[in-house]
Amino acid sequence: MSGSVSLGRHVTLETIGVEVFLNVDGIEGAPAYDTPVSVQARVLRQDKVLWLGDGSHTTTVLTVWFPQDTSPLPDHRARLEWEDEFFIIEQVKDVKDRNATLVHRRVRCRRE
């Protein structure tokens, strides 16, 4: 039997590090990132416990809203650093107003 339960969630304005993707290491095949840039963003952290057949597993998912004037504005290849942990971006959504002007960018990511 499998299932999940949410352990907690909170939304706050936080300082988060944005690391822009540079390239892939030709020898090891690992991604290389630029020096992190600290930006202010609204962060929603969700911790869940997943019950799997062979035991339980805790997962952390972040949803982060970046204002349109954030620099750098992270894309799907960037990596985020928050509370001494790294997060890989899985989904990017640009939210625009009626004039098609960017209001903010929402990203969902999982712990690396």
PDB file of N, CA and C in Angstrom:
ATOM      1  N   MET A   1       0.847  -1.177   0.000  1.00  0.00           N
ATOM      2  CA  MET A   1       0.000   0.000   0.000  1.00  0.00           C
ATOM      3  C   MET A   1       0.891   1.239   0.000  1.00  0.00           C
ATOM      4  N   SER A   2       0.508   2.239  -0.759  1.00  0.00           N
ATOM      5  CA  SER A   2       1.268   3.487  -0.782  1.00  0.00           C
ATOM      6  C   SER A   2       0.321   4.652  -0.567  1.00  0.00           C
ATOM      7  N   GLY A   3       0.866   5.779  -0.150  1.00  0.00           N
ATOM      8  CA  GLY A   3       0.094   6.986   0.087  1.00  0.00           C
ATOM      9  C   GLY A   3       1.025   8.083   0.525  1.00  0.00           C
ATOM     10  N   SER A   4       0.459   9.228   0.862  1.00  0.00           N
ATOM     11  CA  SER A   4       1.293  10.331   1.322  1.00  0.00           C
ATOM     12  C   SER A   4       0.520  11.187   2.305  1.00  0.00           C
ATOM     13  N   VAL A   5       1.258  11.928   3.111  1.00  0.00           N
ATOM     14  CA  VAL A   5       0.669  12.873   4.044  1.00  0.00           C
ATOM     15  C   VAL A   5       1.572  14.103   4.082  1.00  0.00           C
ATOM     16  N   SER A   6       0.953  15.272   4.141  1.00  0.00           N
ATOM     17  CA  SER A   6       1.712  16.520   4.200  1.00  0.00           C
ATOM     18  C   SER A   6       2.120  16.773   5.640  1.00  0.00           C
ATOM     19  N   LEU A   7       3.422  17.008   5.859  1.00  0.00           N
ATOM     20  CA  LEU A   7       3.924  17.272   7.201  1.00  0.00           C
ATOM     21  C   LEU A   7       3.789  18.735   7.584  1.00  0.00           C
ATOM     22  N   GLY A   8       3.840  19.602   6.622  1.00  0.00           N
ATOM     23  CA  GLY A   8       3.742  21.019   6.940  1.00  0.00           C
ATOM     24  C   GLY A   8       4.012  21.869   5.726  1.00  0.00           C
ATOM     25  N   ARG A   9       3.605  23.119   5.825  1.00  0.00           N
ATOM     26  CA  ARG A   9       3.857  24.049   4.745  1.00  0.00           C
ATOM     27  C   ARG A   9       3.834  25.452   5.313  1.00  0.00           C
ATOM     28  N   HIS A  10       4.625  26.322   4.726  1.00  0.00           N
ATOM     29  CA  HIS A  10       4.608  27.723   5.121  1.00  0.00           C
ATOM     30  C   HIS A  10       5.025  28.585   3.937  1.00  0.00           C
ATOM     31  N   VAL A  11       4.473  29.790   3.865  1.00  0.00           N
ATOM     32  CA  VAL A  11       4.807  30.726   2.791  1.00  0.00           C
ATOM     33  C   VAL A  11       5.430  31.952   3.437  1.00  0.00           C
ATOM     34  N   THR A  12       6.635  32.309   3.016  1.00  0.00           N
ATOM     35  CA  THR A  12       7.314  33.475   3.560  1.00  0.00           C
ATOM     36  C   THR A  12       8.150  34.138   2.477  1.00  0.00           C
ATOM     37  N   LEU A  13       8.504  35.401   2.705  1.00  0.00           N
ATOM     38  CA  LEU A  13       9.438  36.098   1.832  1.00  0.00           C
ATOM     39  C   LEU A  13      10.830  35.746   2.325  1.00  0.00           C
ATOM     40  N   GLU A  14      11.629  35.163   1.459  1.00  0.00           N
ATOM     41  CA  GLU A  14      12.930  34.624   1.851  1.00  0.00           C
ATOM     42  C   GLU A  14      14.016  35.089   0.899  1.00  0.00           C
ATOM     43  N   THR A  15      15.252  35.003   1.375  1.00  0.00           N
ATOM     44  CA  THR A  15      16.407  35.179   0.506  1.00  0.00           C
ATOM     45  C   THR A  15      16.767  33.808  -0.037  1.00  0.00           C
ATOM     46  N   ILE A  16      16.864  33.714  -1.342  1.00  0.00           N
ATOM     47  CA  ILE A  16      17.136  32.430  -1.985  1.00  0.00           C
ATOM     48  C   ILE A  16      18.264  32.630  -2.995  1.00  0.00           C
ATOM     49  N   GLY A  17      19.144  31.652  -3.096  1.00  0.00           N
ATOM     50  CA  GLY A  17      20.254  31.738  -4.038  1.00  0.00           C
ATOM     51  C   GLY A  17      19.868  31.161  -5.386  1.00  0.00           C
ATOM     52  N   VAL A  18      20.132  31.912  -6.451  1.00  0.00           N
ATOM     53  CA  VAL A  18      19.865  31.449  -7.812  1.00  0.00           C
ATOM     54  C   VAL A  18      21.206  31.186  -8.481  1.00  0.00           C
ATOM     55  N   GLU A  19      21.413  29.950  -8.933  1.00  0.00           N
ATOM     56  CA  GLU A  19      22.632  29.572  -9.639  1.00  0.00           C
ATOM     57  C   GLU A  19      22.280  29.300 -11.096  1.00  0.00           C
ATOM     58  N   VAL A  20      22.795  30.124 -11.986  1.00  0.00           N
ATOM     59  CA  VAL A  20      22.519  29.998 -13.415  1.00  0.00           C
ATOM     60  C   VAL A  20      23.369  28.870 -13.999  1.00  0.00           C
ATOM     61  N   PHE A  21      22.758  28.038 -14.830  1.00  0.00           N
ATOM     62  CA  PHE A  21      23.453  26.936 -15.503  1.00  0.00           C
ATOM     63  C   PHE A  21      24.491  27.498 -16.466  1.00  0.00           C
ATOM     64  N   LEU A  22      25.722  26.949 -16.417  1.00  0.00           N
ATOM     65  CA  LEU A  22      26.785  27.382 -17.325  1.00  0.00           C
ATOM     66  C   LEU A  22      27.010  26.389 -18.453  1.00  0.00           C
ATOM     67  N   ASN A  23      27.321  25.139 -18.085  1.00  0.00           N
ATOM     68  CA  ASN A  23      27.608  24.106 -19.084  1.00  0.00           C
ATOM     69  C   ASN A  23      27.636  22.744 -18.401  1.00  0.00           C
ATOM     70  N   VAL A  24      27.950  21.726 -19.195  1.00  0.00           N
ATOM     71  CA  VAL A  24      28.078  20.368 -18.674  1.00  0.00           C
ATOM     72  C   VAL A  24      29.543  19.982 -18.738  1.00  0.00           C
ATOM     73  N   ASP A  25      30.055  19.466 -17.625  1.00  0.00           N
ATOM     74  CA  ASP A  25      31.444  19.016 -17.559  1.00  0.00           C
ATOM     75  C   ASP A  25      31.639  17.886 -18.556  1.00  0.00           C
ATOM     76  N   GLY A  26      32.580  18.046 -19.473  1.00  0.00           N
ATOM     77  CA  GLY A  26      32.805  17.049 -20.519  1.00  0.00           C
ATOM     78  C   GLY A  26      33.337  15.732 -20.007  1.00  0.00           C
ATOM     79  N   ILE A  27      34.023  15.721 -18.874  1.00  0.00           N
ATOM     80  CA  ILE A  27      34.617  14.492 -18.340  1.00  0.00           C
ATOM     81  C   ILE A  27      33.603  13.712 -17.512  1.00  0.00           C
ATOM     82  N   GLU A  28      32.983  14.384 -16.547  1.00  0.00           N
ATOM     83  CA  GLU A  28      32.056  13.701 -15.642  1.00  0.00           C
ATOM     84  C   GLU A  28      30.602  13.803 -16.085  1.00  0.00           C
ATOM     85  N   GLY A  29      30.295  14.730 -16.971  1.00  0.00           N
ATOM     86  CA  GLY A  29      28.920  14.909 -17.416  1.00  0.00           C
ATOM     87  C   GLY A  29      28.037  15.609 -16.402  1.00  0.00           C
ATOM     88  N   ALA A  30      28.654  16.227 -15.384  1.00  0.00           N
ATOM     89  CA  ALA A  30      27.892  16.921 -14.345  1.00  0.00           C
ATOM     90  C   ALA A  30      27.653  18.375 -14.757  1.00  0.00           C
ATOM     91  N   PRO A  31      26.494  18.932 -14.408  1.00  0.00           N
ATOM     92  CA  PRO A  31      26.237  20.335 -14.742  1.00  0.00           C
ATOM     93  C   PRO A  31      27.112  21.267 -13.905  1.00  0.00           C
ATOM     94  N   ALA A  32      27.509  22.385 -14.497  1.00  0.00           N
ATOM     95  CA  ALA A  32      28.274  23.413 -13.788  1.00  0.00           C
ATOM     96  C   ALA A  32      27.406  24.665 -13.689  1.00  0.00           C
ATOM     97  N   TYR A  33      27.435  25.301 -12.526  1.00  0.00           N
ATOM     98  CA  TYR A  33      26.603  26.473 -12.273  1.00  0.00           C
ATOM     99  C   TYR A  33      27.466  27.672 -11.910  1.00  0.00           C
ATOM    100  N   ASP A  34      26.947  28.868 -12.178  1.00  0.00           N
ATOM    101  CA  ASP A  34      27.616  30.114 -11.830  1.00  0.00           C
ATOM    102  C   ASP A  34      27.498  30.340 -10.319  1.00  0.00           C
ATOM    103  N   THR A  35      28.236  31.313  -9.812  1.00  0.00           N
ATOM    104  CA  THR A  35      28.171  31.682  -8.400  1.00  0.00           C
ATOM    105  C   THR A  35      26.742  32.100  -8.057  1.00  0.00           C
ATOM    106  N   PRO A  36      26.211  31.646  -6.907  1.00  0.00           N
ATOM    107  CA  PRO A  36      24.832  31.989  -6.566  1.00  0.00           C
ATOM    108  C   PRO A  36      24.642  33.491  -6.353  1.00  0.00           C
ATOM    109  N   VAL A  37      23.493  33.982  -6.798  1.00  0.00           N
ATOM    110  CA  VAL A  37      23.092  35.373  -6.596  1.00  0.00           C
ATOM    111  C   VAL A  37      21.904  35.350  -5.645  1.00  0.00           C
ATOM    112  N   SER A  38      21.984  36.114  -4.558  1.00  0.00           N
ATOM    113  CA  SER A  38      20.901  36.155  -3.574  1.00  0.00           C
ATOM    114  C   SER A  38      19.802  37.099  -4.038  1.00  0.00           C
ATOM    115  N   VAL A  39      18.567  36.598  -4.032  1.00  0.00           N
ATOM    116  CA  VAL A  39      17.404  37.397  -4.416  1.00  0.00           C
ATOM    117  C   VAL A  39      16.290  37.165  -3.401  1.00  0.00           C
ATOM    118  N   GLN A  40      15.332  38.079  -3.357  1.00  0.00           N
ATOM    119  CA  GLN A  40      14.164  37.941  -2.500  1.00  0.00           C
ATOM    120  C   GLN A  40      13.030  37.320  -3.301  1.00  0.00           C
ATOM    121  N   ALA A  41      12.394  36.317  -2.733  1.00  0.00           N
ATOM    122  CA  ALA A  41      11.278  35.650  -3.398  1.00  0.00           C
ATOM    123  C   ALA A  41      10.334  35.089  -2.341  1.00  0.00           C
ATOM    124  N   ARG A  42       9.112  34.857  -2.751  1.00  0.00           N
ATOM    125  CA  ARG A  42       8.131  34.233  -1.861  1.00  0.00           C
ATOM    126  C   ARG A  42       8.268  32.728  -2.012  1.00  0.00           C
ATOM    127  N   VAL A  43       8.401  32.034  -0.884  1.00  0.00           N
ATOM    128  CA  VAL A  43       8.691  30.603  -0.899  1.00  0.00           C
ATOM    129  C   VAL A  43       7.595  29.833  -0.168  1.00  0.00           C
ATOM    130  N   LEU A  44       7.112  28.777  -0.802  1.00  0.00           N
ATOM    131  CA  LEU A  44       6.205  27.824  -0.166  1.00  0.00           C
ATOM    132  C   LEU A  44       6.939  26.502  -0.101  1.00  0.00           C
ATOM    133  N   ARG A  45       7.164  26.009   1.110  1.00  0.00           N
ATOM    134  CA  ARG A  45       7.832  24.720   1.300  1.00  0.00           C
ATOM    135  C   ARG A  45       6.787  23.703   1.733  1.00  0.00           C
ATOM    136  N   GLN A  46       6.804  22.542   1.082  1.00  0.00           N
ATOM    137  CA  GLN A  46       5.895  21.457   1.436  1.00  0.00           C
ATOM    138  C   GLN A  46       6.724  20.207   1.687  1.00  0.00           C
ATOM    139  N   ASP A  47       6.568  19.647   2.870  1.00  0.00           N
ATOM    140  CA  ASP A  47       7.230  18.393   3.215  1.00  0.00           C
ATOM    141  C   ASP A  47       6.177  17.301   3.257  1.00  0.00           C
ATOM    142  N   LYS A  48       6.462  16.208   2.584  1.00  0.00           N
ATOM    143  CA  LYS A  48       5.513  15.095   2.552  1.00  0.00           C
ATOM    144  C   LYS A  48       6.231  13.798   2.869  1.00  0.00           C
ATOM    145  N   VAL A  49       5.524  12.895   3.527  1.00  0.00           N
ATOM    146  CA  VAL A  49       6.019  11.542   3.743  1.00  0.00           C
ATOM    147  C   VAL A  49       5.277  10.638   2.776  1.00  0.00           C
ATOM    148  N   LEU A  50       6.019   9.878   1.990  1.00  0.00           N
ATOM    149  CA  LEU A  50       5.436   8.924   1.052  1.00  0.00           C
ATOM    150  C   LEU A  50       5.581   7.530   1.635  1.00  0.00           C
ATOM    151  N   TRP A  51       4.494   6.798   1.722  1.00  0.00           N
ATOM    152  CA  TRP A  51       4.550   5.419   2.183  1.00  0.00           C
ATOM    153  C   TRP A  51       4.661   4.512   0.972  1.00  0.00           C
ATOM    154  N   LEU A  52       5.774   3.846   0.881  1.00  0.00           N
ATOM    155  CA  LEU A  52       6.031   2.934  -0.222  1.00  0.00           C
ATOM    156  C   LEU A  52       6.004   1.514   0.310  1.00  0.00           C
ATOM    157  N   GLY A  53       5.980   0.548  -0.569  1.00  0.00           N
ATOM    158  CA  GLY A  53       5.947  -0.844  -0.154  1.00  0.00           C
ATOM    159  C   GLY A  53       7.138  -1.244   0.699  1.00  0.00           C
ATOM    160  N   ASP A  54       8.299  -0.639   0.448  1.00  0.00           N
ATOM    161  CA  ASP A  54       9.509  -1.017   1.179  1.00  0.00           C
ATOM    162  C   ASP A  54       9.870  -0.025   2.285  1.00  0.00           C
ATOM    163  N   GLY A  55       8.972   0.838   2.688  1.00  0.00           N
ATOM    164  CA  GLY A  55       9.245   1.800   3.752  1.00  0.00           C
ATOM    165  C   GLY A  55       8.738   3.183   3.395  1.00  0.00           C
ATOM    166  N   SER A  56       9.132   4.168   4.183  1.00  0.00           N
ATOM    167  CA  SER A  56       8.669   5.529   3.936  1.00  0.00           C
ATOM    168  C   SER A  56       9.813   6.403   3.444  1.00  0.00           C
ATOM    169  N   HIS A  57       9.452   7.488   2.798  1.00  0.00           N
ATOM    170  CA  HIS A  57      10.425   8.419   2.224  1.00  0.00           C
ATOM    171  C   HIS A  57       9.871   9.831   2.382  1.00  0.00           C
ATOM    172  N   THR A  58      10.692  10.754   2.861  1.00  0.00           N
ATOM    173  CA  THR A  58      10.271  12.143   3.000  1.00  0.00           C
ATOM    174  C   THR A  58      10.768  12.937   1.804  1.00  0.00           C
ATOM    175  N   THR A  59       9.902  13.743   1.246  1.00  0.00           N
ATOM    176  CA  THR A  59      10.283  14.574   0.108  1.00  0.00           C
ATOM    177  C   THR A  59       9.940  16.034   0.400  1.00  0.00           C
ATOM    178  N   THR A  60      10.741  16.933  -0.123  1.00  0.00           N
ATOM    179  CA  THR A  60      10.509  18.366   0.040  1.00  0.00           C
ATOM    180  C   THR A  60      10.319  18.985  -1.333  1.00  0.00           C
ATOM    181  N   VAL A  61       9.250  19.755  -1.466  1.00  0.00           N
ATOM    182  CA  VAL A  61       8.953  20.455  -2.712  1.00  0.00           C
ATOM    183  C   VAL A  61       8.868  21.942  -2.389  1.00  0.00           C
ATOM    184  N   LEU A  62       9.521  22.758  -3.213  1.00  0.00           N
ATOM    185  CA  LEU A  62       9.429  24.210  -3.074  1.00  0.00           C
ATOM    186  C   LEU A  62       8.661  24.779  -4.257  1.00  0.00           C
ATOM    187  N   THR A  63       7.791  25.734  -3.968  1.00  0.00           N
ATOM    188  CA  THR A  63       7.207  26.571  -5.002  1.00  0.00           C
ATOM    189  C   THR A  63       7.686  27.975  -4.690  1.00  0.00           C
ATOM    190  N   VAL A  64       8.318  28.620  -5.669  1.00  0.00           N
ATOM    191  CA  VAL A  64       8.925  29.935  -5.447  1.00  0.00           C
ATOM    192  C   VAL A  64       8.375  30.914  -6.479  1.00  0.00           C
ATOM    193  N   TRP A  65       7.955  32.092  -5.999  1.00  0.00           N
ATOM    194  CA  TRP A  65       7.464  33.150  -6.869  1.00  0.00           C
ATOM    195  C   TRP A  65       8.505  34.264  -6.912  1.00  0.00           C
ATOM    196  N   PHE A  66       9.053  34.517  -8.097  1.00  0.00           N
ATOM    197  CA  PHE A  66      10.051  35.565  -8.299  1.00  0.00           C
ATOM    198  C   PHE A  66       9.385  36.765  -8.963  1.00  0.00           C
ATOM    199  N   PRO A  67       9.533  37.992  -8.401  1.00  0.00           N
ATOM    200  CA  PRO A  67       9.012  39.183  -9.072  1.00  0.00           C
ATOM    201  C   PRO A  67       9.653  39.353 -10.447  1.00  0.00           C
ATOM    202  N   GLN A  68       8.959  40.051 -11.345  1.00  0.00           N
ATOM    203  CA  GLN A  68       9.436  40.188 -12.722  1.00  0.00           C
ATOM    204  C   GLN A  68      10.775  40.901 -12.822  1.00  0.00           C
ATOM    205  N   ASP A  69      11.139  41.720 -11.843  1.00  0.00           N
ATOM    206  CA  ASP A  69      12.400  42.459 -11.918  1.00  0.00           C
ATOM    207  C   ASP A  69      13.568  41.725 -11.259  1.00  0.00           C
ATOM    208  N   THR A  70      13.382  40.462 -10.904  1.00  0.00           N
ATOM    209  CA  THR A  70      14.455  39.666 -10.307  1.00  0.00           C
ATOM    210  C   THR A  70      15.551  39.430 -11.334  1.00  0.00           C
ATOM    211  N   SER A  71      16.783  39.589 -10.887  1.00  0.00           N
ATOM    212  CA  SER A  71      17.915  39.332 -11.776  1.00  0.00           C
ATOM    213  C   SER A  71      18.964  38.524 -11.025  1.00  0.00           C
ATOM    214  N   PRO A  72      19.283  37.334 -11.491  1.00  0.00           N
ATOM    215  CA  PRO A  72      18.763  36.692 -12.695  1.00  0.00           C
ATOM    216  C   PRO A  72      17.413  36.026 -12.417  1.00  0.00           C
ATOM    217  N   LEU A  73      16.558  36.007 -13.412  1.00  0.00           N
ATOM    218  CA  LEU A  73      15.278  35.320 -13.320  1.00  0.00           C
ATOM    219  C   LEU A  73      15.529  33.867 -13.701  1.00  0.00           C
ATOM    220  N   PRO A  74      15.340  32.914 -12.772  1.00  0.00           N
ATOM    221  CA  PRO A  74      15.723  31.523 -13.044  1.00  0.00           C
ATOM    222  C   PRO A  74      14.894  30.879 -14.148  1.00  0.00           C
ATOM    223  N   ASP A  75      15.550  30.019 -14.923  1.00  0.00           N
ATOM    224  CA  ASP A  75      14.849  29.234 -15.934  1.00  0.00           C
ATOM    225  C   ASP A  75      14.901  27.766 -15.523  1.00  0.00           C
ATOM    226  N   HIS A  76      14.456  26.883 -16.402  1.00  0.00           N
ATOM    227  CA  HIS A  76      14.360  25.463 -16.055  1.00  0.00           C
ATOM    228  C   HIS A  76      15.721  24.801 -15.848  1.00  0.00           C
ATOM    229  N   ARG A  77      16.817  25.455 -16.247  1.00  0.00           N
ATOM    230  CA  ARG A  77      18.139  24.849 -16.075  1.00  0.00           C
ATOM    231  C   ARG A  77      18.874  25.360 -14.837  1.00  0.00           C
ATOM    232  N   ALA A  78      18.323  26.363 -14.158  1.00  0.00           N
ATOM    233  CA  ALA A  78      18.977  26.929 -12.979  1.00  0.00           C
ATOM    234  C   ALA A  78      18.829  25.994 -11.779  1.00  0.00           C
ATOM    235  N   ARG A  79      19.598  26.285 -10.751  1.00  0.00           N
ATOM    236  CA  ARG A  79      19.511  25.546  -9.490  1.00  0.00           C
ATOM    237  C   ARG A  79      19.316  26.575  -8.384  1.00  0.00           C
ATOM    238  N   LEU A  80      18.505  26.231  -7.382  1.00  0.00           N
ATOM    239  CA  LEU A  80      18.240  27.134  -6.269  1.00  0.00           C
ATOM    240  C   LEU A  80      18.889  26.609  -5.002  1.00  0.00           C
ATOM    241  N   GLU A  81      19.338  27.540  -4.172  1.00  0.00           N
ATOM    242  CA  GLU A  81      19.893  27.184  -2.863  1.00  0.00           C
ATOM    243  C   GLU A  81      19.067  27.898  -1.810  1.00  0.00           C
ATOM    244  N   TRP A  82      18.539  27.129  -0.860  1.00  0.00           N
ATOM    245  CA  TRP A  82      17.710  27.686   0.199  1.00  0.00           C
ATOM    246  C   TRP A  82      17.920  26.867   1.458  1.00  0.00           C
ATOM    247  N   GLU A  83      18.163  27.547   2.572  1.00  0.00           N
ATOM    248  CA  GLU A  83      18.399  26.895   3.864  1.00  0.00           C
ATOM    249  C   GLU A  83      19.454  25.798   3.757  1.00  0.00           C
ATOM    250  N   ASP A  84      20.561  26.105   3.095  1.00  0.00           N
ATOM    251  CA  ASP A  84      21.709  25.193   2.949  1.00  0.00           C
ATOM    252  C   ASP A  84      21.380  23.906   2.194  1.00  0.00           C
ATOM    253  N   GLU A  85      20.351  23.933   1.376  1.00  0.00           N
ATOM    254  CA  GLU A  85      20.003  22.788   0.537  1.00  0.00           C
ATOM    255  C   GLU A  85      19.869  23.256  -0.906  1.00  0.00           C
ATOM    256  N   PHE A  86      20.118  22.343  -1.844  1.00  0.00           N
ATOM    257  CA  PHE A  86      19.995  22.659  -3.267  1.00  0.00           C
ATOM    258  C   PHE A  86      18.712  22.054  -3.812  1.00  0.00           C
ATOM    259  N   PHE A  87      18.083  22.787  -4.739  1.00  0.00           N
ATOM    260  CA  PHE A  87      16.829  22.357  -5.341  1.00  0.00           C
ATOM    261  C   PHE A  87      16.930  22.458  -6.853  1.00  0.00           C
ATOM    262  N   ILE A  88      16.417  21.436  -7.535  1.00  0.00           N
ATOM    263  CA  ILE A  88      16.402  21.361  -8.989  1.00  0.00           C
ATOM    264  C   ILE A  88      15.028  21.809  -9.479  1.00  0.00           C
ATOM    265  N   ILE A  89      15.007  22.714 -10.437  1.00  0.00           N
ATOM    266  CA  ILE A  89      13.748  23.236 -10.971  1.00  0.00           C
ATOM    267  C   ILE A  89      13.125  22.213 -11.916  1.00  0.00           C
ATOM    268  N   GLU A  90      11.851  21.917 -11.670  1.00  0.00           N
ATOM    269  CA  GLU A  90      11.130  20.957 -12.504  1.00  0.00           C
ATOM    270  C   GLU A  90      10.062  21.617 -13.370  1.00  0.00           C
ATOM    271  N   GLN A  91       9.566  22.785 -12.946  1.00  0.00           N
ATOM    272  CA  GLN A  91       8.497  23.445 -13.697  1.00  0.00           C
ATOM    273  C   GLN A  91       8.665  24.959 -13.597  1.00  0.00           C
ATOM    274  N   VAL A  92       8.498  25.650 -14.709  1.00  0.00           N
ATOM    275  CA  VAL A  92       8.582  27.113 -14.761  1.00  0.00           C
ATOM    276  C   VAL A  92       7.305  27.639 -15.405  1.00  0.00           C
ATOM    277  N   LYS A  93       6.685  28.628 -14.760  1.00  0.00           N
ATOM    278  CA  LYS A  93       5.480  29.233 -15.335  1.00  0.00           C
ATOM    279  C   LYS A  93       5.580  30.750 -15.198  1.00  0.00           C
ATOM    280  N   ASP A  94       5.457  31.452 -16.325  1.00  0.00           N
ATOM    281  CA  ASP A  94       5.420  32.909 -16.318  1.00  0.00           C
ATOM    282  C   ASP A  94       3.976  33.358 -16.181  1.00  0.00           C
ATOM    283  N   VAL A  95       3.709  34.212 -15.193  1.00  0.00           N
ATOM    284  CA  VAL A  95       2.370  34.749 -14.970  1.00  0.00           C
ATOM    285  C   VAL A  95       2.362  36.181 -15.494  1.00  0.00           C
ATOM    286  N   LYS A  96       1.416  36.463 -16.399  1.00  0.00           N
ATOM    287  CA  LYS A  96       1.352  37.772 -17.058  1.00  0.00           C
ATOM    288  C   LYS A  96       0.008  38.439 -16.790  1.00  0.00           C
ATOM    289  N   ASP A  97       0.001  39.773 -16.916  1.00  0.00           N
ATOM    290  CA  ASP A  97      -1.249  40.515 -16.767  1.00  0.00           C
ATOM    291  C   ASP A  97      -1.986  40.571 -18.108  1.00  0.00           C
ATOM    292  N   ARG A  98      -3.079  41.339 -18.173  1.00  0.00           N
ATOM    293  CA  ARG A  98      -3.883  41.411 -19.400  1.00  0.00           C
ATOM    294  C   ARG A  98      -3.130  41.975 -20.596  1.00  0.00           C
ATOM    295  N   ASN A  99      -2.092  42.748 -20.330  1.00  0.00           N
ATOM    296  CA  ASN A  99      -1.296  43.343 -21.404  1.00  0.00           C
ATOM    297  C   ASN A  99      -0.118  42.464 -21.802  1.00  0.00           C
ATOM    298  N   ALA A 100      -0.127  41.234 -21.352  1.00  0.00           N
ATOM    299  CA  ALA A 100       0.941  40.271 -21.638  1.00  0.00           C
ATOM    300  C   ALA A 100       2.285  40.710 -21.063  1.00  0.00           C
ATOM    301  N   THR A 101       2.239  41.492 -19.985  1.00  0.00           N
ATOM    302  CA  THR A 101       3.451  41.916 -19.293  1.00  0.00           C
ATOM    303  C   THR A 101       3.713  40.958 -18.141  1.00  0.00           C
ATOM    304  N   LEU A 102       4.944  40.510 -18.023  1.00  0.00           N
ATOM    305  CA  LEU A 102       5.305  39.565 -16.968  1.00  0.00           C
ATOM    306  C   LEU A 102       5.087  40.185 -15.596  1.00  0.00           C
ATOM    307  N   VAL A 103       4.368  39.469 -14.723  1.00  0.00           N
ATOM    308  CA  VAL A 103       4.128  39.905 -13.350  1.00  0.00           C
ATOM    309  C   VAL A 103       5.097  39.189 -12.420  1.00  0.00           C
ATOM    310  N   HIS A 104       5.166  37.876 -12.548  1.00  0.00           N
ATOM    311  CA  HIS A 104       6.122  37.092 -11.775  1.00  0.00           C
ATOM    312  C   HIS A 104       6.345  35.743 -12.448  1.00  0.00           C
ATOM    313  N   ARG A 105       7.389  35.053 -12.021  1.00  0.00           N
ATOM    314  CA  ARG A 105       7.689  33.709 -12.511  1.00  0.00           C
ATOM    315  C   ARG A 105       7.564  32.750 -11.330  1.00  0.00           C
ATOM    316  N   ARG A 106       6.790  31.690 -11.540  1.00  0.00           N
ATOM    317  CA  ARG A 106       6.630  30.659 -10.515  1.00  0.00           C
ATOM    318  C   ARG A 106       7.439  29.437 -10.927  1.00  0.00           C
ATOM    319  N   VAL A 107       8.236  28.928 -10.000  1.00  0.00           N
ATOM    320  CA  VAL A 107       8.977  27.700 -10.274  1.00  0.00           C
ATOM    321  C   VAL A 107       8.671  26.680  -9.186  1.00  0.00           C
ATOM    322  N   ARG A 108       8.568  25.434  -9.598  1.00  0.00           N
ATOM    323  CA  ARG A 108       8.418  24.317  -8.653  1.00  0.00           C
ATOM    324  C   ARG A 108       9.682  23.488  -8.744  1.00  0.00           C
ATOM    325  N   CYS A 109      10.194  23.105  -7.602  1.00  0.00           N
ATOM    326  CA  CYS A 109      11.439  22.346  -7.601  1.00  0.00           C
ATOM    327  C   CYS A 109      11.446  21.323  -6.475  1.00  0.00           C
ATOM    328  N   ARG A 110      12.358  20.376  -6.618  1.00  0.00           N
ATOM    329  CA  ARG A 110      12.519  19.322  -5.616  1.00  0.00           C
ATOM    330  C   ARG A 110      13.941  19.374  -5.084  1.00  0.00           C
ATOM    331  N   ARG A 111      14.107  18.838  -3.891  1.00  0.00           N
ATOM    332  CA  ARG A 111      15.432  18.806  -3.279  1.00  0.00           C
ATOM    333  C   ARG A 111      16.357  17.944  -4.115  1.00  0.00           C
ATOM    334  N   GLU A 112      17.582  18.436  -4.326  1.00  0.00           N
ATOM    335  CA  GLU A 112      18.570  17.710  -5.135  1.00  0.00           C
ATOM    336  C   GLU A 112      19.043  16.464  -4.418  1.00  0.00           C
TER     337      GLU A 112
END
